[in-house]
Amino acid sequence: MIKEMIKPPFIWGIVIGAIALLFVIFWTGWVVTNSTAKKMANETVLENLVPICVGQYLQDPNKVERFAELKETSSYQRRSYVEEMGWATMPGSESPVRGLADKCSKQIIDLES
């Protein structure tokens, strides 16, 4: 009796259903891969650190001159300029946060424009 219930169309239905289920759960975002989760977490952390970086810029006594220098700097060199000024280095840290300087420089340019 069990042998009669398990026929090739039944097996194909299970296989197609499993593939469709995987497609739906990944497409809708119910399941994410490890690398995607790490990337999303990193972006969230950077977005939360940008206001601190901008705040450090705003506390700079020479911010008017620094802004003029930043604006004159080419877009691909702004990251190193922000790191050099120390704005991308978080309080209590000795080195700048990787990836923060780019976002911070864009925010500073938008802030003063």
PDB file of N, CA and C in Angstrom:
ATOM      1  N   MET A   1       0.809  -1.196   0.000  1.00  0.00           N
ATOM      2  CA  MET A   1       0.000   0.000   0.000  1.00  0.00           C
ATOM      3  C   MET A   1       0.855   1.264   0.000  1.00  0.00           C
ATOM      4  N   ILE A   2       1.914   1.293   0.822  1.00  0.00           N
ATOM      5  CA  ILE A   2       2.786   2.467   0.855  1.00  0.00           C
ATOM      6  C   ILE A   2       3.515   2.608  -0.471  1.00  0.00           C
ATOM      7  N   LYS A   3       3.897   1.502  -1.044  1.00  0.00           N
ATOM      8  CA  LYS A   3       4.595   1.538  -2.321  1.00  0.00           C
ATOM      9  C   LYS A   3       3.713   2.151  -3.405  1.00  0.00           C
ATOM     10  N   GLU A   4       2.420   1.918  -3.322  1.00  0.00           N
ATOM     11  CA  GLU A   4       1.501   2.480  -4.311  1.00  0.00           C
ATOM     12  C   GLU A   4       1.342   3.993  -4.132  1.00  0.00           C
ATOM     13  N   MET A   5       1.481   4.499  -2.900  1.00  0.00           N
ATOM     14  CA  MET A   5       1.311   5.932  -2.646  1.00  0.00           C
ATOM     15  C   MET A   5       2.505   6.741  -3.144  1.00  0.00           C
ATOM     16  N   ILE A   6       3.686   6.162  -3.096  1.00  0.00           N
ATOM     17  CA  ILE A   6       4.890   6.880  -3.509  1.00  0.00           C
ATOM     18  C   ILE A   6       5.134   6.606  -4.984  1.00  0.00           C
ATOM     19  N   LYS A   7       4.668   7.516  -5.793  1.00  0.00           N
ATOM     20  CA  LYS A   7       4.815   7.400  -7.239  1.00  0.00           C
ATOM     21  C   LYS A   7       5.678   8.561  -7.722  1.00  0.00           C
ATOM     22  N   PRO A   8       6.244   8.465  -8.900  1.00  0.00           N
ATOM     23  CA  PRO A   8       7.101   9.537  -9.415  1.00  0.00           C
ATOM     24  C   PRO A   8       6.461  10.931  -9.386  1.00  0.00           C
ATOM     25  N   PRO A   9       5.199  11.115  -9.709  1.00  0.00           N
ATOM     26  CA  PRO A   9       4.637  12.470  -9.632  1.00  0.00           C
ATOM     27  C   PRO A   9       4.657  13.017  -8.195  1.00  0.00           C
ATOM     28  N   PHE A  10       4.460  12.144  -7.221  1.00  0.00           N
ATOM     29  CA  PHE A  10       4.487  12.556  -5.818  1.00  0.00           C
ATOM     30  C   PHE A  10       5.887  13.046  -5.449  1.00  0.00           C
ATOM     31  N   ILE A  11       6.904  12.319  -5.872  1.00  0.00           N
ATOM     32  CA  ILE A  11       8.296  12.693  -5.587  1.00  0.00           C
ATOM     33  C   ILE A  11       8.628  14.008  -6.278  1.00  0.00           C
ATOM     34  N   TRP A  12       8.225  14.157  -7.540  1.00  0.00           N
ATOM     35  CA  TRP A  12       8.489  15.404  -8.251  1.00  0.00           C
ATOM     36  C   TRP A  12       7.785  16.582  -7.576  1.00  0.00           C
ATOM     37  N   GLY A  13       6.628  16.356  -7.052  1.00  0.00           N
ATOM     38  CA  GLY A  13       5.906  17.405  -6.337  1.00  0.00           C
ATOM     39  C   GLY A  13       6.663  17.863  -5.107  1.00  0.00           C
ATOM     40  N   ILE A  14       7.247  16.920  -4.377  1.00  0.00           N
ATOM     41  CA  ILE A  14       8.040  17.259  -3.190  1.00  0.00           C
ATOM     42  C   ILE A  14       9.279  18.062  -3.596  1.00  0.00           C
ATOM     43  N   VAL A  15       9.964  17.630  -4.645  1.00  0.00           N
ATOM     44  CA  VAL A  15      11.179  18.311  -5.098  1.00  0.00           C
ATOM     45  C   VAL A  15      10.858  19.730  -5.562  1.00  0.00           C
ATOM     46  N   ILE A  16       9.839  19.888  -6.375  1.00  0.00           N
ATOM     47  CA  ILE A  16       9.468  21.218  -6.877  1.00  0.00           C
ATOM     48  C   ILE A  16       8.998  22.108  -5.732  1.00  0.00           C
ATOM     49  N   GLY A  17       8.255  21.537  -4.798  1.00  0.00           N
ATOM     50  CA  GLY A  17       7.798  22.305  -3.635  1.00  0.00           C
ATOM     51  C   GLY A  17       8.956  22.774  -2.774  1.00  0.00           C
ATOM     52  N   ALA A  18       9.972  21.929  -2.580  1.00  0.00           N
ATOM     53  CA  ALA A  18      11.143  22.302  -1.783  1.00  0.00           C
ATOM     54  C   ALA A  18      11.929  23.424  -2.465  1.00  0.00           C
ATOM     55  N   ILE A  19      12.086  23.321  -3.764  1.00  0.00           N
ATOM     56  CA  ILE A  19      12.797  24.365  -4.511  1.00  0.00           C
ATOM     57  C   ILE A  19      12.020  25.680  -4.454  1.00  0.00           C
ATOM     58  N   ALA A  20      10.713  25.607  -4.623  1.00  0.00           N
ATOM     59  CA  ALA A  20       9.887  26.819  -4.554  1.00  0.00           C
ATOM     60  C   ALA A  20       9.956  27.436  -3.160  1.00  0.00           C
ATOM     61  N   LEU A  21       9.946  26.615  -2.129  1.00  0.00           N
ATOM     62  CA  LEU A  21      10.038  27.113  -0.759  1.00  0.00           C
ATOM     63  C   LEU A  21      11.364  27.818  -0.525  1.00  0.00           C
ATOM     64  N   LEU A  22      12.467  27.240  -0.982  1.00  0.00           N
ATOM     65  CA  LEU A  22      13.775  27.887  -0.843  1.00  0.00           C
ATOM     66  C   LEU A  22      13.815  29.220  -1.578  1.00  0.00           C
ATOM     67  N   PHE A  23      13.259  29.237  -2.771  1.00  0.00           N
ATOM     68  CA  PHE A  23      13.224  30.480  -3.542  1.00  0.00           C
ATOM     69  C   PHE A  23      12.452  31.556  -2.793  1.00  0.00           C
ATOM     70  N   VAL A  24      11.298  31.216  -2.255  1.00  0.00           N
ATOM     71  CA  VAL A  24      10.462  32.189  -1.556  1.00  0.00           C
ATOM     72  C   VAL A  24      11.143  32.704  -0.292  1.00  0.00           C
ATOM     73  N   ILE A  25      11.729  31.829   0.525  1.00  0.00           N
ATOM     74  CA  ILE A  25      12.290  32.301   1.792  1.00  0.00           C
ATOM     75  C   ILE A  25      13.546  33.154   1.581  1.00  0.00           C
ATOM     76  N   PHE A  26      14.325  32.875   0.556  1.00  0.00           N
ATOM     77  CA  PHE A  26      15.494  33.718   0.295  1.00  0.00           C
ATOM     78  C   PHE A  26      15.094  35.019  -0.389  1.00  0.00           C
ATOM     79  N   TRP A  27      14.135  34.970  -1.303  1.00  0.00           N
ATOM     80  CA  TRP A  27      13.704  36.149  -2.045  1.00  0.00           C
ATOM     81  C   TRP A  27      13.020  37.155  -1.133  1.00  0.00           C
ATOM     82  N   THR A  28      12.241  36.683  -0.180  1.00  0.00           N
ATOM     83  CA  THR A  28      11.532  37.590   0.720  1.00  0.00           C
ATOM     84  C   THR A  28      12.413  38.099   1.851  1.00  0.00           C
ATOM     85  N   GLY A  29      13.582  37.495   2.046  1.00  0.00           N
ATOM     86  CA  GLY A  29      14.490  37.952   3.085  1.00  0.00           C
ATOM     87  C   GLY A  29      14.273  37.282   4.424  1.00  0.00           C
ATOM     88  N   TRP A  30      13.484  36.216   4.464  1.00  0.00           N
ATOM     89  CA  TRP A  30      13.267  35.504   5.720  1.00  0.00           C
ATOM     90  C   TRP A  30      14.545  34.824   6.186  1.00  0.00           C
ATOM     91  N   VAL A  31      15.382  34.462   5.234  1.00  0.00           N
ATOM     92  CA  VAL A  31      16.659  33.815   5.535  1.00  0.00           C
ATOM     93  C   VAL A  31      17.737  34.588   4.792  1.00  0.00           C
ATOM     94  N   VAL A  32      18.831  34.903   5.471  1.00  0.00           N
ATOM     95  CA  VAL A  32      19.952  35.575   4.823  1.00  0.00           C
ATOM     96  C   VAL A  32      21.209  34.739   5.030  1.00  0.00           C
ATOM     97  N   THR A  33      22.130  34.899   4.125  1.00  0.00           N
ATOM     98  CA  THR A  33      23.384  34.164   4.248  1.00  0.00           C
ATOM     99  C   THR A  33      24.268  34.827   5.295  1.00  0.00           C
ATOM    100  N   ASN A  34      25.279  34.142   5.710  1.00  0.00           N
ATOM    101  CA  ASN A  34      26.207  34.647   6.713  1.00  0.00           C
ATOM    102  C   ASN A  34      26.895  35.924   6.245  1.00  0.00           C
ATOM    103  N   SER A  35      27.336  35.942   5.003  1.00  0.00           N
ATOM    104  CA  SER A  35      28.032  37.128   4.495  1.00  0.00           C
ATOM    105  C   SER A  35      27.088  38.324   4.385  1.00  0.00           C
ATOM    106  N   THR A  36      25.835  38.082   4.018  1.00  0.00           N
ATOM    107  CA  THR A  36      24.864  39.170   3.948  1.00  0.00           C
ATOM    108  C   THR A  36      24.579  39.727   5.334  1.00  0.00           C
ATOM    109  N   ALA A  37      24.468  38.861   6.310  1.00  0.00           N
ATOM    110  CA  ALA A  37      24.216  39.300   7.682  1.00  0.00           C
ATOM    111  C   ALA A  37      25.382  40.143   8.209  1.00  0.00           C
ATOM    112  N   LYS A  38      26.602  39.722   7.923  1.00  0.00           N
ATOM    113  CA  LYS A  38      27.772  40.495   8.356  1.00  0.00           C
ATOM    114  C   LYS A  38      27.813  41.859   7.679  1.00  0.00           C
ATOM    115  N   LYS A  39      27.497  41.890   6.394  1.00  0.00           N
ATOM    116  CA  LYS A  39      27.495  43.153   5.657  1.00  0.00           C
ATOM    117  C   LYS A  39      26.432  44.096   6.216  1.00  0.00           C
ATOM    118  N   MET A  40      25.249  43.571   6.497  1.00  0.00           N
ATOM    119  CA  MET A  40      24.176  44.395   7.056  1.00  0.00           C
ATOM    120  C   MET A  40      24.548  44.915   8.445  1.00  0.00           C
ATOM    121  N   ALA A  41      25.173  44.083   9.248  1.00  0.00           N
ATOM    122  CA  ALA A  41      25.585  44.506  10.593  1.00  0.00           C
ATOM    123  C   ALA A  41      26.657  45.587  10.513  1.00  0.00           C
ATOM    124  N   ASN A  42      27.608  45.421   9.611  1.00  0.00           N
ATOM    125  CA  ASN A  42      28.672  46.415   9.446  1.00  0.00           C
ATOM    126  C   ASN A  42      28.100  47.761   9.004  1.00  0.00           C
ATOM    127  N   GLU A  43      27.163  47.735   8.065  1.00  0.00           N
ATOM    128  CA  GLU A  43      26.537  48.971   7.598  1.00  0.00           C
ATOM    129  C   GLU A  43      25.770  49.662   8.728  1.00  0.00           C
ATOM    130  N   THR A  44      25.101  48.877   9.552  1.00  0.00           N
ATOM    131  CA  THR A  44      24.351  49.451  10.675  1.00  0.00           C
ATOM    132  C   THR A  44      25.291  50.113  11.675  1.00  0.00           C
ATOM    133  N   VAL A  45      26.397  49.457  11.974  1.00  0.00           N
ATOM    134  CA  VAL A  45      27.370  50.031  12.904  1.00  0.00           C
ATOM    135  C   VAL A  45      27.940  51.327  12.338  1.00  0.00           C
ATOM    136  N   LEU A  46      28.292  51.328  11.064  1.00  0.00           N
ATOM    137  CA  LEU A  46      28.849  52.540  10.452  1.00  0.00           C
ATOM    138  C   LEU A  46      27.835  53.679  10.462  1.00  0.00           C
ATOM    139  N   GLU A  47      26.584  53.377  10.174  1.00  0.00           N
ATOM    140  CA  GLU A  47      25.554  54.418  10.181  1.00  0.00           C
ATOM    141  C   GLU A  47      25.388  55.017  11.574  1.00  0.00           C
ATOM    142  N   ASN A  48      25.583  54.205  12.607  1.00  0.00           N
ATOM    143  CA  ASN A  48      25.471  54.708  13.975  1.00  0.00           C
ATOM    144  C   ASN A  48      26.707  55.493  14.415  1.00  0.00           C
ATOM    145  N   LEU A  49      27.843  55.281  13.765  1.00  0.00           N
ATOM    146  CA  LEU A  49      29.068  55.998  14.126  1.00  0.00           C
ATOM    147  C   LEU A  49      29.243  57.310  13.364  1.00  0.00           C
ATOM    148  N   VAL A  50      28.543  57.477  12.262  1.00  0.00           N
ATOM    149  CA  VAL A  50      28.675  58.702  11.467  1.00  0.00           C
ATOM    150  C   VAL A  50      28.346  59.953  12.289  1.00  0.00           C
ATOM    151  N   PRO A  51      27.280  59.975  13.089  1.00  0.00           N
ATOM    152  CA  PRO A  51      27.015  61.188  13.884  1.00  0.00           C
ATOM    153  C   PRO A  51      28.146  61.522  14.865  1.00  0.00           C
ATOM    154  N   ILE A  52      28.832  60.520  15.381  1.00  0.00           N
ATOM    155  CA  ILE A  52      29.959  60.772  16.281  1.00  0.00           C
ATOM    156  C   ILE A  52      31.101  61.418  15.504  1.00  0.00           C
ATOM    157  N   CYS A  53      31.345  60.907  14.320  1.00  0.00           N
ATOM    158  CA  CYS A  53      32.398  61.457  13.462  1.00  0.00           C
ATOM    159  C   CYS A  53      32.084  62.914  13.100  1.00  0.00           C
ATOM    160  N   VAL A  54      30.852  63.180  12.723  1.00  0.00           N
ATOM    161  CA  VAL A  54      30.448  64.547  12.375  1.00  0.00           C
ATOM    162  C   VAL A  54      30.531  65.438  13.610  1.00  0.00           C
ATOM    163  N   GLY A  55      30.162  64.906  14.761  1.00  0.00           N
ATOM    164  CA  GLY A  55      30.267  65.668  16.007  1.00  0.00           C
ATOM    165  C   GLY A  55      31.704  66.051  16.321  1.00  0.00           C
ATOM    166  N   GLN A  56      32.639  65.148  16.049  1.00  0.00           N
ATOM    167  CA  GLN A  56      34.049  65.464  16.262  1.00  0.00           C
ATOM    168  C   GLN A  56      34.510  66.556  15.294  1.00  0.00           C
ATOM    169  N   TYR A  57      33.984  66.519  14.073  1.00  0.00           N
ATOM    170  CA  TYR A  57      34.289  67.597  13.121  1.00  0.00           C
ATOM    171  C   TYR A  57      33.741  68.925  13.639  1.00  0.00           C
ATOM    172  N   LEU A  58      32.503  68.924  14.134  1.00  0.00           N
ATOM    173  CA  LEU A  58      31.877  70.161  14.607  1.00  0.00           C
ATOM    174  C   LEU A  58      32.588  70.747  15.819  1.00  0.00           C
ATOM    175  N   GLN A  59      33.283  69.920  16.599  1.00  0.00           N
ATOM    176  CA  GLN A  59      34.014  70.401  17.763  1.00  0.00           C
ATOM    177  C   GLN A  59      35.412  70.906  17.413  1.00  0.00           C
ATOM    178  N   ASP A  60      35.816  70.712  16.188  1.00  0.00           N
ATOM    179  CA  ASP A  60      37.142  71.184  15.755  1.00  0.00           C
ATOM    180  C   ASP A  60      37.145  72.710  15.746  1.00  0.00           C
ATOM    181  N   PRO A  61      38.086  73.356  16.458  1.00  0.00           N
ATOM    182  CA  PRO A  61      38.109  74.825  16.497  1.00  0.00           C
ATOM    183  C   PRO A  61      38.399  75.456  15.140  1.00  0.00           C
ATOM    184  N   ASN A  62      39.013  74.723  14.242  1.00  0.00           N
ATOM    185  CA  ASN A  62      39.334  75.235  12.908  1.00  0.00           C
ATOM    186  C   ASN A  62      38.434  74.617  11.842  1.00  0.00           C
ATOM    187  N   LYS A  63      37.180  74.355  12.179  1.00  0.00           N
ATOM    188  CA  LYS A  63      36.320  73.618  11.260  1.00  0.00           C
ATOM    189  C   LYS A  63      36.052  74.364   9.958  1.00  0.00           C
ATOM    190  N   VAL A  64      36.054  75.693   9.975  1.00  0.00           N
ATOM    191  CA  VAL A  64      35.815  76.444   8.743  1.00  0.00           C
ATOM    192  C   VAL A  64      36.955  76.207   7.757  1.00  0.00           C
ATOM    193  N   GLU A  65      38.191  76.295   8.247  1.00  0.00           N
ATOM    194  CA  GLU A  65      39.351  76.049   7.382  1.00  0.00           C
ATOM    195  C   GLU A  65      39.400  74.579   6.958  1.00  0.00           C
ATOM    196  N   ARG A  66      39.084  73.698   7.894  1.00  0.00           N
ATOM    197  CA  ARG A  66      39.103  72.256   7.593  1.00  0.00           C
ATOM    198  C   ARG A  66      38.057  71.909   6.532  1.00  0.00           C
ATOM    199  N   PHE A  67      36.890  72.561   6.616  1.00  0.00           N
ATOM    200  CA  PHE A  67      35.858  72.296   5.614  1.00  0.00           C
ATOM    201  C   PHE A  67      36.309  72.751   4.236  1.00  0.00           C
ATOM    202  N   ALA A  68      36.950  73.915   4.180  1.00  0.00           N
ATOM    203  CA  ALA A  68      37.445  74.408   2.891  1.00  0.00           C
ATOM    204  C   ALA A  68      38.479  73.443   2.314  1.00  0.00           C
ATOM    205  N   GLU A  69      39.361  72.927   3.162  1.00  0.00           N
ATOM    206  CA  GLU A  69      40.364  71.959   2.713  1.00  0.00           C
ATOM    207  C   GLU A  69      39.704  70.663   2.258  1.00  0.00           C
ATOM    208  N   LEU A  70      38.704  70.224   3.018  1.00  0.00           N
ATOM    209  CA  LEU A  70      38.006  68.988   2.662  1.00  0.00           C
ATOM    210  C   LEU A  70      37.291  69.131   1.336  1.00  0.00           C
ATOM    211  N   LYS A  71      36.669  70.262   1.125  1.00  0.00           N
ATOM    212  CA  LYS A  71      35.926  70.484  -0.117  1.00  0.00           C
ATOM    213  C   LYS A  71      36.864  70.566  -1.320  1.00  0.00           C
ATOM    214  N   GLU A  72      38.064  71.111  -1.115  1.00  0.00           N
ATOM    215  CA  GLU A  72      39.041  71.208  -2.204  1.00  0.00           C
ATOM    216  C   GLU A  72      39.694  69.858  -2.506  1.00  0.00           C
ATOM    217  N   THR A  73      39.683  68.969  -1.527  1.00  0.00           N
ATOM    218  CA  THR A  73      40.286  67.650  -1.702  1.00  0.00           C
ATOM    219  C   THR A  73      39.440  66.827  -2.667  1.00  0.00           C
ATOM    220  N   SER A  74      40.090  66.062  -3.531  1.00  0.00           N
ATOM    221  CA  SER A  74      39.339  65.227  -4.469  1.00  0.00           C
ATOM    222  C   SER A  74      38.560  64.161  -3.706  1.00  0.00           C
ATOM    223  N   SER A  75      37.492  63.694  -4.314  1.00  0.00           N
ATOM    224  CA  SER A  75      36.573  62.789  -3.623  1.00  0.00           C
ATOM    225  C   SER A  75      37.248  61.486  -3.181  1.00  0.00           C
ATOM    226  N   TYR A  76      38.209  61.003  -3.920  1.00  0.00           N
ATOM    227  CA  TYR A  76      38.863  59.760  -3.537  1.00  0.00           C
ATOM    228  C   TYR A  76      39.921  59.952  -2.452  1.00  0.00           C
ATOM    229  N   GLN A  77      40.295  61.199  -2.159  1.00  0.00           N
ATOM    230  CA  GLN A  77      41.268  61.474  -1.102  1.00  0.00           C
ATOM    231  C   GLN A  77      40.613  61.976   0.190  1.00  0.00           C
ATOM    232  N   ARG A  78      39.305  62.173   0.160  1.00  0.00           N
ATOM    233  CA  ARG A  78      38.617  62.679   1.348  1.00  0.00           C
ATOM    234  C   ARG A  78      38.683  61.690   2.507  1.00  0.00           C
ATOM    235  N   ARG A  79      38.659  60.411   2.197  1.00  0.00           N
ATOM    236  CA  ARG A  79      38.741  59.393   3.246  1.00  0.00           C
ATOM    237  C   ARG A  79      40.013  59.561   4.045  1.00  0.00           C
ATOM    238  N   SER A  80      41.135  59.682   3.364  1.00  0.00           N
ATOM    239  CA  SER A  80      42.405  59.815   4.077  1.00  0.00           C
ATOM    240  C   SER A  80      42.492  61.149   4.818  1.00  0.00           C
ATOM    241  N   TYR A  81      41.859  62.199   4.284  1.00  0.00           N
ATOM    242  CA  TYR A  81      41.867  63.487   4.966  1.00  0.00           C
ATOM    243  C   TYR A  81      41.089  63.403   6.283  1.00  0.00           C
ATOM    244  N   VAL A  82      39.914  62.790   6.252  1.00  0.00           N
ATOM    245  CA  VAL A  82      39.098  62.647   7.468  1.00  0.00           C
ATOM    246  C   VAL A  82      39.827  61.787   8.491  1.00  0.00           C
ATOM    247  N   GLU A  83      40.471  60.721   8.036  1.00  0.00           N
ATOM    248  CA  GLU A  83      41.236  59.874   8.956  1.00  0.00           C
ATOM    249  C   GLU A  83      42.417  60.647   9.550  1.00  0.00           C
ATOM    250  N   GLU A  84      43.074  61.449   8.723  1.00  0.00           N
ATOM    251  CA  GLU A  84      44.225  62.232   9.179  1.00  0.00           C
ATOM    252  C   GLU A  84      43.820  63.267  10.239  1.00  0.00           C
ATOM    253  N   MET A  85      42.637  63.841  10.073  1.00  0.00           N
ATOM    254  CA  MET A  85      42.143  64.827  11.041  1.00  0.00           C
ATOM    255  C   MET A  85      41.704  64.158  12.348  1.00  0.00           C
ATOM    256  N   GLY A  86      41.517  62.852  12.316  1.00  0.00           N
ATOM    257  CA  GLY A  86      41.142  62.127  13.526  1.00  0.00           C
ATOM    258  C   GLY A  86      39.654  62.055  13.781  1.00  0.00           C
ATOM    259  N   TRP A  87      38.853  62.526  12.860  1.00  0.00           N
ATOM    260  CA  TRP A  87      37.404  62.519  13.061  1.00  0.00           C
ATOM    261  C   TRP A  87      36.828  61.113  12.986  1.00  0.00           C
ATOM    262  N   ALA A  88      37.447  60.220  12.212  1.00  0.00           N
ATOM    263  CA  ALA A  88      36.951  58.855  12.065  1.00  0.00           C
ATOM    264  C   ALA A  88      37.488  57.922  13.145  1.00  0.00           C
ATOM    265  N   THR A  89      38.300  58.458  14.049  1.00  0.00           N
ATOM    266  CA  THR A  89      38.804  57.669  15.170  1.00  0.00           C
ATOM    267  C   THR A  89      37.860  57.875  16.349  1.00  0.00           C
ATOM    268  N   MET A  90      37.268  56.811  16.802  1.00  0.00           N
ATOM    269  CA  MET A  90      36.291  56.905  17.876  1.00  0.00           C
ATOM    270  C   MET A  90      36.980  57.143  19.221  1.00  0.00           C
ATOM    271  N   PRO A  91      36.305  57.836  20.123  1.00  0.00           N
ATOM    272  CA  PRO A  91      36.884  58.071  21.445  1.00  0.00           C
ATOM    273  C   PRO A  91      37.282  56.753  22.122  1.00  0.00           C
ATOM    274  N   GLY A  92      38.474  56.716  22.654  1.00  0.00           N
ATOM    275  CA  GLY A  92      38.985  55.512  23.295  1.00  0.00           C
ATOM    276  C   GLY A  92      39.676  54.554  22.344  1.00  0.00           C
ATOM    277  N   SER A  93      39.696  54.882  21.061  1.00  0.00           N
ATOM    278  CA  SER A  93      40.327  54.034  20.054  1.00  0.00           C
ATOM    279  C   SER A  93      41.596  54.718  19.550  1.00  0.00           C
ATOM    280  N   GLU A  94      42.505  53.916  19.030  1.00  0.00           N
ATOM    281  CA  GLU A  94      43.757  54.469  18.529  1.00  0.00           C
ATOM    282  C   GLU A  94      43.811  54.565  17.012  1.00  0.00           C
ATOM    283  N   SER A  95      42.911  53.885  16.339  1.00  0.00           N
ATOM    284  CA  SER A  95      42.928  53.905  14.882  1.00  0.00           C
ATOM    285  C   SER A  95      41.520  54.191  14.358  1.00  0.00           C
ATOM    286  N   PRO A  96      41.440  54.731  13.138  1.00  0.00           N
ATOM    287  CA  PRO A  96      40.126  55.035  12.568  1.00  0.00           C
ATOM    288  C   PRO A  96      39.326  53.769  12.264  1.00  0.00           C
ATOM    289  N   VAL A  97      38.024  53.901  12.305  1.00  0.00           N
ATOM    290  CA  VAL A  97      37.128  52.794  11.979  1.00  0.00           C
ATOM    291  C   VAL A  97      37.105  52.633  10.468  1.00  0.00           C
ATOM    292  N   ARG A  98      37.318  51.413  10.011  1.00  0.00           N
ATOM    293  CA  ARG A  98      37.373  51.136   8.574  1.00  0.00           C
ATOM    294  C   ARG A  98      36.013  51.412   7.926  1.00  0.00           C
ATOM    295  N   GLY A  99      36.026  52.193   6.868  1.00  0.00           N
ATOM    296  CA  GLY A  99      34.818  52.496   6.115  1.00  0.00           C
ATOM    297  C   GLY A  99      34.044  53.698   6.624  1.00  0.00           C
ATOM    298  N   LEU A 100      34.370  54.201   7.782  1.00  0.00           N
ATOM    299  CA  LEU A 100      33.627  55.314   8.367  1.00  0.00           C
ATOM    300  C   LEU A 100      33.981  56.639   7.712  1.00  0.00           C
ATOM    301  N   ALA A 101      35.210  56.831   7.331  1.00  0.00           N
ATOM    302  CA  ALA A 101      35.667  58.122   6.808  1.00  0.00           C
ATOM    303  C   ALA A 101      34.923  58.520   5.534  1.00  0.00           C
ATOM    304  N   ASP A 102      34.632  57.563   4.665  1.00  0.00           N
ATOM    305  CA  ASP A 102      33.897  57.885   3.432  1.00  0.00           C
ATOM    306  C   ASP A 102      32.508  58.427   3.750  1.00  0.00           C
ATOM    307  N   LYS A 103      31.798  57.711   4.607  1.00  0.00           N
ATOM    308  CA  LYS A 103      30.450  58.139   4.974  1.00  0.00           C
ATOM    309  C   LYS A 103      30.475  59.463   5.722  1.00  0.00           C
ATOM    310  N   CYS A 104      31.459  59.632   6.570  1.00  0.00           N
ATOM    311  CA  CYS A 104      31.582  60.849   7.359  1.00  0.00           C
ATOM    312  C   CYS A 104      31.872  62.051   6.458  1.00  0.00           C
ATOM    313  N   SER A 105      32.771  61.904   5.506  1.00  0.00           N
ATOM    314  CA  SER A 105      33.097  63.028   4.619  1.00  0.00           C
ATOM    315  C   SER A 105      31.883  63.441   3.796  1.00  0.00           C
ATOM    316  N   LYS A 106      31.100  62.471   3.341  1.00  0.00           N
ATOM    317  CA  LYS A 106      29.886  62.806   2.585  1.00  0.00           C
ATOM    318  C   LYS A 106      28.894  63.558   3.463  1.00  0.00           C
ATOM    319  N   GLN A 107      28.754  63.121   4.697  1.00  0.00           N
ATOM    320  CA  GLN A 107      27.831  63.767   5.624  1.00  0.00           C
ATOM    321  C   GLN A 107      28.287  65.197   5.938  1.00  0.00           C
ATOM    322  N   ILE A 108      29.576  65.406   6.118  1.00  0.00           N
ATOM    323  CA  ILE A 108      30.105  66.745   6.399  1.00  0.00           C
ATOM    324  C   ILE A 108      29.869  67.674   5.207  1.00  0.00           C
ATOM    325  N   ILE A 109      30.135  67.186   4.015  1.00  0.00           N
ATOM    326  CA  ILE A 109      29.907  67.996   2.809  1.00  0.00           C
ATOM    327  C   ILE A 109      28.430  68.348   2.694  1.00  0.00           C
ATOM    328  N   ASP A 110      27.549  67.390   2.944  1.00  0.00           N
ATOM    329  CA  ASP A 110      26.104  67.651   2.883  1.00  0.00           C
ATOM    330  C   ASP A 110      25.667  68.612   3.991  1.00  0.00           C
ATOM    331  N   LEU A 111      26.311  68.516   5.135  1.00  0.00           N
ATOM    332  CA  LEU A 111      25.957  69.352   6.283  1.00  0.00           C
ATOM    333  C   LEU A 111      26.249  70.824   6.003  1.00  0.00           C
ATOM    334  N   GLU A 112      27.360  71.100   5.395  1.00  0.00           N
ATOM    335  CA  GLU A 112      27.806  72.466   5.180  1.00  0.00           C
ATOM    336  C   GLU A 112      27.319  73.048   3.857  1.00  0.00           C
ATOM    337  N   SER A 113      26.747  72.221   3.001  1.00  0.00           N
ATOM    338  CA  SER A 113      26.283  72.724   1.692  1.00  0.00           C
ATOM    339  C   SER A 113      24.929  73.389   1.784  1.00  0.00           C
TER     340      SER A 113
END
